Amino acid sequence: RALLLAVAGVVWLAGPVCGDEPVPSESTARYFRELRRRGLFKLAESYCLERLSHSGVSTAERTELTLELARTLAEHANFAGSAEQDELWARSDAALSELLKAEPDNPRRLLLEVQRALLPATVGHSRRLLAELEPYDAAAGKRAAASLHAAVQNLREAEARIVASQRKAPGGRAPSGAALRLFELRPLLGHVRLRL
């Protein structure tokens, strides 16, 4: 039954293939959150990759799909074996890095940068849990510590960028593809500070 719901969701999301520029919404984010919660990582990954392969995808939609792909790959790594974990984390980072490089003037670039800064925190948390399970493996502890130190540095840099963006951000609501507004930056800053 869960698979049937997931397929129905994909069909529903694939509906706006033609016509006006589709706008990423909270329902899209909720859809991917639920796929991840149910462990349907492959479905979420394949949908994102399939949509990203189309030409004519708006910048806003490409940004949102890339973020969801990176989040899905990172969370999938938490449920994978150690060999596959590193590959999934690398793919998550690569997806974000490629879009950051391809679109340096993306108005929602900060979301991509923050997600990229959060990735070492996810990696470090997972490695810390493994190190706790294997207390006599000193190398595991060092890998966890290195990941967590990198995460703290990256998150502090992201926090500074968000604070700087808040000073320049206009208030009110704007189209989804526009630069981040104050109402979007505040929860983003809260999330980064929570992870610190």
N, C-alpha and C. Protein backbone atom coordinates (compact mmCIF):
# COMPACT_ATOMS: atom_id res chain seq x y z
N ARG A 1 0.82 -1.19 0.00
CA ARG A 1 0.00 0.00 0.00
C ARG A 1 0.87 1.26 0.00
N ALA A 2 1.98 1.26 0.75
CA ALA A 2 2.87 2.42 0.79
C ALA A 2 3.46 2.69 -0.59
N LEU A 3 3.80 1.62 -1.31
CA LEU A 3 4.35 1.78 -2.65
C LEU A 3 3.31 2.39 -3.58
N LEU A 4 2.07 1.98 -3.44
CA LEU A 4 0.99 2.53 -4.26
C LEU A 4 0.82 4.02 -3.98
N LEU A 5 0.88 4.41 -2.71
CA LEU A 5 0.80 5.83 -2.36
C LEU A 5 1.98 6.60 -2.92
N ALA A 6 3.17 6.01 -2.87
CA ALA A 6 4.36 6.68 -3.39
C ALA A 6 4.25 6.88 -4.90
N VAL A 7 3.80 5.85 -5.61
CA VAL A 7 3.65 5.96 -7.06
C VAL A 7 2.59 7.01 -7.40
N ALA A 8 1.50 7.03 -6.65
CA ALA A 8 0.46 8.03 -6.88
C ALA A 8 1.02 9.44 -6.64
N GLY A 9 1.87 9.58 -5.64
CA GLY A 9 2.50 10.86 -5.37
C GLY A 9 3.41 11.30 -6.49
N VAL A 10 4.16 10.37 -7.05
CA VAL A 10 5.06 10.69 -8.17
C VAL A 10 4.24 11.15 -9.37
N VAL A 11 3.15 10.45 -9.64
CA VAL A 11 2.29 10.83 -10.76
C VAL A 11 1.71 12.22 -10.51
N TRP A 12 1.30 12.49 -9.28
CA TRP A 12 0.75 13.79 -8.94
C TRP A 12 1.79 14.89 -9.11
N LEU A 13 3.02 14.64 -8.66
CA LEU A 13 4.08 15.64 -8.78
C LEU A 13 4.55 15.80 -10.22
N ALA A 14 4.46 14.74 -11.01
CA ALA A 14 4.90 14.82 -12.40
C ALA A 14 3.87 15.52 -13.27
N GLY A 15 2.71 15.81 -12.74
CA GLY A 15 1.65 16.45 -13.50
C GLY A 15 2.04 17.76 -14.15
N PRO A 16 2.73 18.67 -13.45
CA PRO A 16 3.03 19.96 -14.07
C PRO A 16 4.23 19.92 -15.00
N VAL A 17 4.35 18.89 -15.83
CA VAL A 17 5.48 18.79 -16.75
C VAL A 17 5.39 19.85 -17.83
N CYS A 18 4.18 20.17 -18.26
CA CYS A 18 4.04 21.20 -19.27
C CYS A 18 3.29 22.38 -18.66
N GLY A 19 3.36 23.51 -19.33
CA GLY A 19 2.65 24.68 -18.85
C GLY A 19 3.59 25.64 -18.16
N ASP A 20 3.05 26.39 -17.22
CA ASP A 20 3.85 27.38 -16.52
C ASP A 20 4.93 26.73 -15.68
N GLU A 21 5.85 27.57 -15.26
CA GLU A 21 6.96 27.11 -14.44
C GLU A 21 6.43 26.55 -13.13
N PRO A 22 6.69 25.27 -12.82
CA PRO A 22 6.21 24.74 -11.55
C PRO A 22 6.96 25.37 -10.38
N VAL A 23 6.23 25.63 -9.33
CA VAL A 23 6.82 26.26 -8.16
C VAL A 23 6.95 25.23 -7.05
N PRO A 24 8.18 25.06 -6.51
CA PRO A 24 8.34 24.13 -5.39
C PRO A 24 7.49 24.60 -4.22
N SER A 25 6.92 23.67 -3.52
CA SER A 25 6.03 24.04 -2.44
C SER A 25 6.29 23.19 -1.21
N GLU A 26 5.59 23.53 -0.16
CA GLU A 26 5.70 22.77 1.08
C GLU A 26 5.21 21.34 0.87
N SER A 27 4.23 21.17 -0.03
CA SER A 27 3.73 19.81 -0.27
C SER A 27 4.81 18.94 -0.92
N THR A 28 5.65 19.54 -1.76
CA THR A 28 6.75 18.79 -2.38
C THR A 28 7.74 18.37 -1.31
N ALA A 29 8.10 19.29 -0.44
CA ALA A 29 9.04 18.97 0.65
C ALA A 29 8.45 17.90 1.56
N ARG A 30 7.16 18.01 1.86
CA ARG A 30 6.50 17.02 2.71
C ARG A 30 6.49 15.65 2.03
N TYR A 31 6.27 15.63 0.73
CA TYR A 31 6.27 14.38 -0.03
C TYR A 31 7.62 13.67 0.11
N PHE A 32 8.71 14.41 -0.09
CA PHE A 32 10.03 13.80 0.01
C PHE A 32 10.36 13.40 1.45
N ARG A 33 9.93 14.21 2.42
CA ARG A 33 10.14 13.85 3.83
C ARG A 33 9.47 12.52 4.14
N GLU A 34 8.25 12.36 3.64
CA GLU A 34 7.52 11.11 3.90
C GLU A 34 8.15 9.92 3.18
N LEU A 35 8.65 10.13 1.97
CA LEU A 35 9.35 9.03 1.28
C LEU A 35 10.56 8.60 2.10
N ARG A 36 11.33 9.58 2.59
CA ARG A 36 12.51 9.25 3.40
C ARG A 36 12.10 8.56 4.70
N ARG A 37 11.05 9.07 5.33
CA ARG A 37 10.59 8.48 6.60
C ARG A 37 10.19 7.03 6.41
N ARG A 38 9.65 6.71 5.26
CA ARG A 38 9.21 5.33 4.98
C ARG A 38 10.32 4.47 4.39
N GLY A 39 11.51 5.05 4.24
CA GLY A 39 12.64 4.28 3.72
C GLY A 39 12.60 4.07 2.21
N LEU A 40 11.84 4.88 1.50
CA LEU A 40 11.74 4.76 0.05
C LEU A 40 12.77 5.67 -0.63
N PHE A 41 14.02 5.46 -0.26
CA PHE A 41 15.10 6.32 -0.74
C PHE A 41 15.30 6.22 -2.24
N LYS A 42 15.29 5.01 -2.76
CA LYS A 42 15.52 4.81 -4.20
C LYS A 42 14.45 5.51 -5.03
N LEU A 43 13.21 5.46 -4.58
CA LEU A 43 12.13 6.12 -5.30
C LEU A 43 12.35 7.63 -5.32
N ALA A 44 12.69 8.21 -4.18
CA ALA A 44 12.94 9.65 -4.10
C ALA A 44 14.15 10.03 -4.95
N GLU A 45 15.21 9.24 -4.88
CA GLU A 45 16.41 9.53 -5.66
C GLU A 45 16.12 9.47 -7.16
N SER A 46 15.44 8.42 -7.59
CA SER A 46 15.18 8.26 -9.02
C SER A 46 14.25 9.35 -9.53
N TYR A 47 13.27 9.76 -8.72
CA TYR A 47 12.38 10.84 -9.15
C TYR A 47 13.17 12.14 -9.32
N CYS A 48 14.00 12.47 -8.34
CA CYS A 48 14.80 13.70 -8.43
C CYS A 48 15.72 13.67 -9.65
N LEU A 49 16.41 12.57 -9.83
CA LEU A 49 17.34 12.47 -10.96
C LEU A 49 16.60 12.55 -12.29
N GLU A 50 15.43 11.92 -12.36
CA GLU A 50 14.66 11.95 -13.60
C GLU A 50 14.19 13.37 -13.90
N ARG A 51 13.68 14.08 -12.91
CA ARG A 51 13.22 15.46 -13.13
C ARG A 51 14.39 16.39 -13.44
N LEU A 52 15.53 16.19 -12.78
CA LEU A 52 16.69 17.03 -13.04
C LEU A 52 17.27 16.81 -14.43
N SER A 53 17.01 15.65 -15.02
CA SER A 53 17.55 15.36 -16.36
C SER A 53 16.77 16.07 -17.46
N HIS A 54 15.57 16.58 -17.16
CA HIS A 54 14.78 17.29 -18.16
C HIS A 54 15.36 18.67 -18.41
N SER A 55 15.33 19.09 -19.66
CA SER A 55 15.71 20.47 -19.95
C SER A 55 14.50 21.35 -19.66
N GLY A 56 14.73 22.58 -19.39
CA GLY A 56 13.63 23.49 -19.11
C GLY A 56 13.16 23.50 -17.67
N VAL A 57 13.88 22.85 -16.78
CA VAL A 57 13.52 22.88 -15.36
C VAL A 57 13.93 24.25 -14.83
N SER A 58 13.02 24.91 -14.15
CA SER A 58 13.32 26.25 -13.63
C SER A 58 14.43 26.19 -12.58
N THR A 59 15.05 27.33 -12.36
CA THR A 59 16.10 27.42 -11.34
C THR A 59 15.56 27.05 -9.97
N ALA A 60 14.37 27.54 -9.65
CA ALA A 60 13.78 27.25 -8.34
C ALA A 60 13.52 25.76 -8.18
N GLU A 61 12.97 25.13 -9.22
CA GLU A 61 12.69 23.70 -9.13
C GLU A 61 13.98 22.89 -9.09
N ARG A 62 14.97 23.29 -9.88
CA ARG A 62 16.26 22.58 -9.89
C ARG A 62 16.91 22.67 -8.51
N THR A 63 16.82 23.84 -7.90
CA THR A 63 17.38 24.01 -6.55
C THR A 63 16.67 23.10 -5.56
N GLU A 64 15.34 23.11 -5.60
CA GLU A 64 14.56 22.30 -4.66
C GLU A 64 14.81 20.81 -4.86
N LEU A 65 14.84 20.37 -6.11
CA LEU A 65 15.08 18.95 -6.40
C LEU A 65 16.49 18.53 -5.97
N THR A 66 17.46 19.41 -6.19
CA THR A 66 18.83 19.10 -5.77
C THR A 66 18.93 19.01 -4.26
N LEU A 67 18.27 19.92 -3.56
CA LEU A 67 18.25 19.85 -2.09
C LEU A 67 17.61 18.56 -1.61
N GLU A 68 16.49 18.18 -2.20
CA GLU A 68 15.82 16.94 -1.79
C GLU A 68 16.66 15.72 -2.13
N LEU A 69 17.34 15.75 -3.27
CA LEU A 69 18.22 14.64 -3.64
C LEU A 69 19.36 14.52 -2.63
N ALA A 70 19.99 15.65 -2.29
CA ALA A 70 21.10 15.62 -1.33
C ALA A 70 20.63 15.14 0.04
N ARG A 71 19.48 15.60 0.49
CA ARG A 71 18.95 15.15 1.78
C ARG A 71 18.64 13.66 1.77
N THR A 72 18.07 13.21 0.67
CA THR A 72 17.72 11.79 0.55
C THR A 72 18.96 10.92 0.55
N LEU A 73 19.97 11.31 -0.22
CA LEU A 73 21.21 10.52 -0.26
C LEU A 73 21.88 10.48 1.11
N ALA A 74 21.90 11.62 1.80
CA ALA A 74 22.52 11.67 3.13
C ALA A 74 21.77 10.79 4.12
N GLU A 75 20.45 10.84 4.08
CA GLU A 75 19.67 10.01 5.01
C GLU A 75 19.75 8.54 4.63
N HIS A 76 19.80 8.26 3.34
CA HIS A 76 19.94 6.87 2.87
C HIS A 76 21.25 6.28 3.41
N ALA A 77 22.29 7.10 3.47
CA ALA A 77 23.59 6.64 3.97
C ALA A 77 23.49 6.15 5.41
N ASN A 78 22.60 6.74 6.19
CA ASN A 78 22.45 6.31 7.58
C ASN A 78 21.92 4.89 7.71
N PHE A 79 21.30 4.38 6.66
CA PHE A 79 20.74 3.04 6.68
C PHE A 79 21.54 2.06 5.84
N ALA A 80 22.67 2.50 5.31
CA ALA A 80 23.48 1.66 4.42
C ALA A 80 24.70 1.13 5.17
N GLY A 81 25.35 0.14 4.57
CA GLY A 81 26.59 -0.38 5.12
C GLY A 81 27.71 0.63 4.94
N SER A 82 28.82 0.42 5.63
CA SER A 82 29.89 1.42 5.64
C SER A 82 30.47 1.69 4.25
N ALA A 83 30.56 0.67 3.40
CA ALA A 83 31.11 0.89 2.06
C ALA A 83 30.18 1.77 1.23
N GLU A 84 28.89 1.51 1.33
CA GLU A 84 27.92 2.28 0.56
C GLU A 84 27.70 3.66 1.16
N GLN A 85 27.89 3.78 2.48
CA GLN A 85 27.71 5.06 3.16
C GLN A 85 28.57 6.15 2.55
N ASP A 86 29.86 5.88 2.43
CA ASP A 86 30.78 6.89 1.90
C ASP A 86 30.39 7.31 0.49
N GLU A 87 29.95 6.35 -0.32
CA GLU A 87 29.54 6.67 -1.69
C GLU A 87 28.30 7.57 -1.69
N LEU A 88 27.33 7.27 -0.84
CA LEU A 88 26.11 8.07 -0.78
C LEU A 88 26.40 9.49 -0.28
N TRP A 89 27.25 9.61 0.73
CA TRP A 89 27.62 10.95 1.21
C TRP A 89 28.35 11.72 0.12
N ALA A 90 29.23 11.05 -0.61
CA ALA A 90 29.95 11.71 -1.70
C ALA A 90 28.99 12.16 -2.80
N ARG A 91 28.01 11.33 -3.12
CA ARG A 91 27.01 11.70 -4.13
C ARG A 91 26.17 12.88 -3.67
N SER A 92 25.85 12.92 -2.39
CA SER A 92 25.09 14.04 -1.84
C SER A 92 25.88 15.34 -1.98
N ASP A 93 27.14 15.29 -1.60
CA ASP A 93 28.01 16.46 -1.72
C ASP A 93 28.20 16.85 -3.18
N ALA A 94 28.37 15.88 -4.05
CA ALA A 94 28.59 16.15 -5.48
C ALA A 94 27.37 16.83 -6.10
N ALA A 95 26.17 16.39 -5.73
CA ALA A 95 24.96 17.00 -6.28
C ALA A 95 24.89 18.49 -5.93
N LEU A 96 25.20 18.80 -4.67
CA LEU A 96 25.18 20.19 -4.23
C LEU A 96 26.30 20.99 -4.89
N SER A 97 27.50 20.42 -4.92
CA SER A 97 28.65 21.11 -5.50
C SER A 97 28.45 21.41 -6.98
N GLU A 98 27.89 20.45 -7.70
CA GLU A 98 27.66 20.64 -9.14
C GLU A 98 26.71 21.80 -9.41
N LEU A 99 25.63 21.88 -8.65
CA LEU A 99 24.69 22.98 -8.87
C LEU A 99 25.29 24.31 -8.43
N LEU A 100 26.03 24.31 -7.33
CA LEU A 100 26.68 25.55 -6.90
C LEU A 100 27.66 26.05 -7.96
N LYS A 101 28.37 25.12 -8.58
CA LYS A 101 29.34 25.49 -9.62
C LYS A 101 28.64 25.91 -10.91
N ALA A 102 27.58 25.19 -11.28
CA ALA A 102 26.88 25.47 -12.54
C ALA A 102 26.08 26.76 -12.48
N GLU A 103 25.59 27.12 -11.32
CA GLU A 103 24.74 28.31 -11.18
C GLU A 103 25.26 29.22 -10.07
N PRO A 104 26.37 29.93 -10.32
CA PRO A 104 26.93 30.77 -9.26
C PRO A 104 26.03 31.94 -8.86
N ASP A 105 25.09 32.32 -9.73
CA ASP A 105 24.21 33.45 -9.43
C ASP A 105 22.81 33.00 -9.01
N ASN A 106 22.68 31.75 -8.60
CA ASN A 106 21.40 31.22 -8.17
C ASN A 106 20.90 32.04 -6.98
N PRO A 107 19.69 32.61 -7.07
CA PRO A 107 19.20 33.45 -5.96
C PRO A 107 18.94 32.66 -4.67
N ARG A 108 18.87 31.35 -4.76
CA ARG A 108 18.63 30.52 -3.58
C ARG A 108 19.89 29.73 -3.22
N ARG A 109 21.02 30.25 -3.63
CA ARG A 109 22.32 29.61 -3.42
C ARG A 109 22.58 29.31 -1.94
N LEU A 110 22.15 30.19 -1.07
CA LEU A 110 22.40 30.01 0.36
C LEU A 110 21.80 28.71 0.88
N LEU A 111 20.65 28.31 0.36
CA LEU A 111 20.05 27.03 0.77
C LEU A 111 20.97 25.86 0.43
N LEU A 112 21.58 25.92 -0.75
CA LEU A 112 22.51 24.86 -1.17
C LEU A 112 23.76 24.86 -0.30
N GLU A 113 24.27 26.05 -0.01
CA GLU A 113 25.48 26.16 0.82
C GLU A 113 25.22 25.64 2.24
N VAL A 114 24.05 25.96 2.78
CA VAL A 114 23.72 25.49 4.13
C VAL A 114 23.57 23.97 4.14
N GLN A 115 22.90 23.42 3.12
CA GLN A 115 22.77 21.96 3.06
C GLN A 115 24.14 21.30 2.95
N ARG A 116 25.02 21.91 2.20
CA ARG A 116 26.39 21.38 2.06
C ARG A 116 27.14 21.48 3.40
N ALA A 117 26.88 22.53 4.17
CA ALA A 117 27.51 22.67 5.49
C ALA A 117 26.94 21.66 6.48
N LEU A 118 25.67 21.29 6.31
CA LEU A 118 25.03 20.33 7.22
C LEU A 118 25.50 18.89 6.97
N LEU A 119 25.99 18.62 5.77
CA LEU A 119 26.39 17.25 5.44
C LEU A 119 27.48 16.70 6.36
N PRO A 120 28.57 17.44 6.64
CA PRO A 120 29.56 16.90 7.58
C PRO A 120 29.00 16.64 8.98
N ALA A 121 27.98 17.40 9.37
CA ALA A 121 27.34 17.15 10.67
C ALA A 121 26.62 15.81 10.65
N THR A 122 25.95 15.52 9.55
CA THR A 122 25.27 14.23 9.39
C THR A 122 26.27 13.10 9.39
N VAL A 123 27.35 13.29 8.64
CA VAL A 123 28.42 12.27 8.57
C VAL A 123 29.04 12.07 9.95
N GLY A 124 29.35 13.18 10.62
CA GLY A 124 29.97 13.10 11.94
C GLY A 124 29.08 12.42 12.96
N HIS A 125 27.80 12.72 12.92
CA HIS A 125 26.86 12.09 13.85
C HIS A 125 26.83 10.58 13.63
N SER A 126 26.75 10.18 12.38
CA SER A 126 26.73 8.74 12.07
C SER A 126 28.02 8.06 12.50
N ARG A 127 29.14 8.72 12.22
CA ARG A 127 30.43 8.14 12.60
C ARG A 127 30.60 8.10 14.12
N ARG A 128 30.04 9.09 14.81
CA ARG A 128 30.12 9.10 16.28
C ARG A 128 29.35 7.92 16.85
N LEU A 129 28.19 7.65 16.29
CA LEU A 129 27.41 6.50 16.75
C LEU A 129 28.17 5.19 16.52
N LEU A 130 28.82 5.08 15.37
CA LEU A 130 29.62 3.88 15.10
C LEU A 130 30.80 3.78 16.05
N ALA A 131 31.44 4.91 16.35
CA ALA A 131 32.57 4.91 17.27
C ALA A 131 32.13 4.49 18.68
N GLU A 132 30.92 4.87 19.07
CA GLU A 132 30.41 4.45 20.37
C GLU A 132 30.14 2.96 20.42
N LEU A 133 29.75 2.40 19.28
CA LEU A 133 29.51 0.95 19.22
C LEU A 133 30.80 0.15 19.20
N GLU A 134 31.88 0.79 18.73
CA GLU A 134 33.19 0.14 18.67
C GLU A 134 34.19 0.98 19.47
N PRO A 135 34.11 0.96 20.80
CA PRO A 135 34.93 1.86 21.61
C PRO A 135 36.44 1.59 21.52
N TYR A 136 36.84 0.42 21.06
CA TYR A 136 38.27 0.11 20.99
C TYR A 136 38.86 0.41 19.62
N ASP A 137 38.06 0.92 18.71
CA ASP A 137 38.54 1.29 17.38
C ASP A 137 38.89 2.78 17.39
N ALA A 138 40.16 3.08 17.61
CA ALA A 138 40.61 4.47 17.71
C ALA A 138 40.43 5.21 16.40
N ALA A 139 40.60 4.52 15.28
CA ALA A 139 40.46 5.17 13.97
C ALA A 139 39.03 5.65 13.76
N ALA A 140 38.06 4.88 14.22
CA ALA A 140 36.65 5.28 14.08
C ALA A 140 36.39 6.55 14.88
N GLY A 141 36.95 6.63 16.07
CA GLY A 141 36.80 7.82 16.89
C GLY A 141 37.43 9.04 16.26
N LYS A 142 38.60 8.85 15.64
CA LYS A 142 39.28 9.97 14.97
C LYS A 142 38.49 10.45 13.75
N ARG A 143 37.92 9.51 12.99
CA ARG A 143 37.12 9.89 11.82
C ARG A 143 35.89 10.69 12.27
N ALA A 144 35.26 10.23 13.34
CA ALA A 144 34.08 10.93 13.86
C ALA A 144 34.46 12.34 14.32
N ALA A 145 35.55 12.45 15.06
CA ALA A 145 35.98 13.76 15.55
C ALA A 145 36.32 14.70 14.40
N ALA A 146 37.01 14.19 13.38
CA ALA A 146 37.38 15.03 12.23
C ALA A 146 36.13 15.53 11.51
N SER A 147 35.16 14.65 11.33
CA SER A 147 33.91 15.06 10.66
C SER A 147 33.17 16.10 11.48
N LEU A 148 33.12 15.90 12.78
CA LEU A 148 32.39 16.84 13.63
C LEU A 148 33.09 18.20 13.72
N HIS A 149 34.43 18.20 13.74
CA HIS A 149 35.16 19.47 13.74
C HIS A 149 34.92 20.23 12.44
N ALA A 150 34.94 19.51 11.31
CA ALA A 150 34.65 20.14 10.02
C ALA A 150 33.23 20.68 10.00
N ALA A 151 32.31 19.94 10.60
CA ALA A 151 30.91 20.37 10.64
C ALA A 151 30.76 21.67 11.42
N VAL A 152 31.42 21.76 12.57
CA VAL A 152 31.32 22.97 13.39
C VAL A 152 31.84 24.17 12.61
N GLN A 153 32.98 24.01 11.96
CA GLN A 153 33.55 25.11 11.17
C GLN A 153 32.61 25.51 10.03
N ASN A 154 32.10 24.53 9.29
CA ASN A 154 31.20 24.81 8.17
C ASN A 154 29.91 25.46 8.64
N LEU A 155 29.37 24.99 9.76
CA LEU A 155 28.12 25.55 10.26
C LEU A 155 28.31 26.97 10.78
N ARG A 156 29.45 27.27 11.38
CA ARG A 156 29.71 28.65 11.82
C ARG A 156 29.82 29.59 10.63
N GLU A 157 30.47 29.11 9.55
CA GLU A 157 30.55 29.93 8.33
C GLU A 157 29.16 30.13 7.73
N ALA A 158 28.36 29.09 7.72
CA ALA A 158 26.99 29.20 7.19
C ALA A 158 26.17 30.16 8.04
N GLU A 159 26.34 30.08 9.35
CA GLU A 159 25.62 30.98 10.25
C GLU A 159 25.97 32.44 9.94
N ALA A 160 27.25 32.71 9.72
CA ALA A 160 27.67 34.08 9.40
C ALA A 160 27.08 34.55 8.07
N ARG A 161 27.02 33.66 7.08
CA ARG A 161 26.43 34.03 5.78
C ARG A 161 24.93 34.31 5.91
N ILE A 162 24.25 33.53 6.73
CA ILE A 162 22.81 33.74 6.92
C ILE A 162 22.57 35.08 7.61
N VAL A 163 23.35 35.37 8.66
CA VAL A 163 23.19 36.63 9.38
C VAL A 163 23.45 37.80 8.44
N ALA A 164 24.48 37.70 7.60
CA ALA A 164 24.75 38.76 6.63
C ALA A 164 23.61 38.90 5.63
N SER A 165 23.04 37.80 5.22
CA SER A 165 21.91 37.83 4.28
C SER A 165 20.68 38.44 4.92
N GLN A 166 20.49 38.20 6.22
CA GLN A 166 19.33 38.77 6.92
C GLN A 166 19.38 40.29 6.91
N ARG A 167 20.57 40.84 7.00
CA ARG A 167 20.70 42.30 7.01
C ARG A 167 20.29 42.90 5.67
N LYS A 168 20.50 42.14 4.59
CA LYS A 168 20.21 42.64 3.24
C LYS A 168 18.84 42.20 2.73
N ALA A 169 18.24 41.23 3.38
CA ALA A 169 17.01 40.63 2.85
C ALA A 169 15.82 41.56 2.99
N PRO A 170 15.02 41.62 1.93
CA PRO A 170 13.78 42.39 2.02
C PRO A 170 12.74 41.61 2.81
N GLY A 171 11.79 42.30 3.37
CA GLY A 171 10.72 41.62 4.09
C GLY A 171 9.62 41.20 3.13
N GLY A 172 8.56 40.66 3.65
CA GLY A 172 7.42 40.27 2.83
C GLY A 172 7.66 38.99 2.05
N ARG A 173 6.68 38.68 1.22
CA ARG A 173 6.76 37.46 0.41
C ARG A 173 7.12 37.82 -1.01
N ALA A 174 7.78 36.87 -1.68
CA ALA A 174 8.18 37.07 -3.07
C ALA A 174 7.96 35.76 -3.81
N PRO A 175 8.09 35.79 -5.12
CA PRO A 175 7.97 34.53 -5.87
C PRO A 175 8.99 33.51 -5.38
N SER A 176 8.65 32.23 -5.55
CA SER A 176 9.46 31.14 -5.02
C SER A 176 10.89 31.14 -5.55
N GLY A 177 11.12 31.57 -6.76
CA GLY A 177 12.46 31.54 -7.34
C GLY A 177 13.32 32.72 -6.95
N ALA A 178 12.75 33.67 -6.22
CA ALA A 178 13.47 34.89 -5.86
C ALA A 178 14.44 34.63 -4.72
N ALA A 179 15.22 35.67 -4.43
CA ALA A 179 16.18 35.58 -3.33
C ALA A 179 15.43 35.28 -2.03
N LEU A 180 16.15 34.72 -1.09
CA LEU A 180 15.56 34.35 0.20
C LEU A 180 15.09 35.59 0.95
N ARG A 181 13.94 35.48 1.57
CA ARG A 181 13.35 36.56 2.36
C ARG A 181 13.59 36.29 3.84
N LEU A 182 13.31 37.31 4.64
CA LEU A 182 13.52 37.18 6.09
C LEU A 182 12.77 35.99 6.68
N PHE A 183 11.53 35.77 6.24
CA PHE A 183 10.74 34.68 6.81
C PHE A 183 11.33 33.32 6.45
N GLU A 184 12.18 33.25 5.41
CA GLU A 184 12.86 32.00 5.06
C GLU A 184 14.21 31.89 5.77
N LEU A 185 14.85 33.03 5.99
CA LEU A 185 16.17 33.03 6.61
C LEU A 185 16.13 32.72 8.11
N ARG A 186 15.10 33.18 8.79
CA ARG A 186 15.02 32.96 10.24
C ARG A 186 15.00 31.47 10.61
N PRO A 187 14.12 30.66 10.01
CA PRO A 187 14.16 29.23 10.37
C PRO A 187 15.43 28.54 9.91
N LEU A 188 16.00 29.02 8.80
CA LEU A 188 17.26 28.45 8.32
C LEU A 188 18.37 28.70 9.34
N LEU A 189 18.42 29.91 9.87
CA LEU A 189 19.40 30.25 10.90
C LEU A 189 19.16 29.42 12.16
N GLY A 190 17.91 29.27 12.54
CA GLY A 190 17.59 28.45 13.71
C GLY A 190 18.03 27.01 13.54
N HIS A 191 17.84 26.48 12.34
CA HIS A 191 18.24 25.09 12.08
C HIS A 191 19.76 24.94 12.17
N VAL A 192 20.49 25.89 11.60
CA VAL A 192 21.96 25.84 11.66
C VAL A 192 22.42 25.94 13.11
N ARG A 193 21.85 26.86 13.87
CA ARG A 193 22.25 27.02 15.27
C ARG A 193 21.90 25.79 16.10
N LEU A 194 20.79 25.15 15.78
CA LEU A 194 20.42 23.92 16.48
C LEU A 194 21.45 22.83 16.23
N ARG A 195 21.93 22.72 15.00
CA ARG A 195 22.91 21.68 14.66
C ARG A 195 24.28 21.98 15.27
N LEU A 196 24.56 23.27 15.54
CA LEU A 196 25.83 23.61 16.19
C LEU A 196 25.80 23.10 17.62
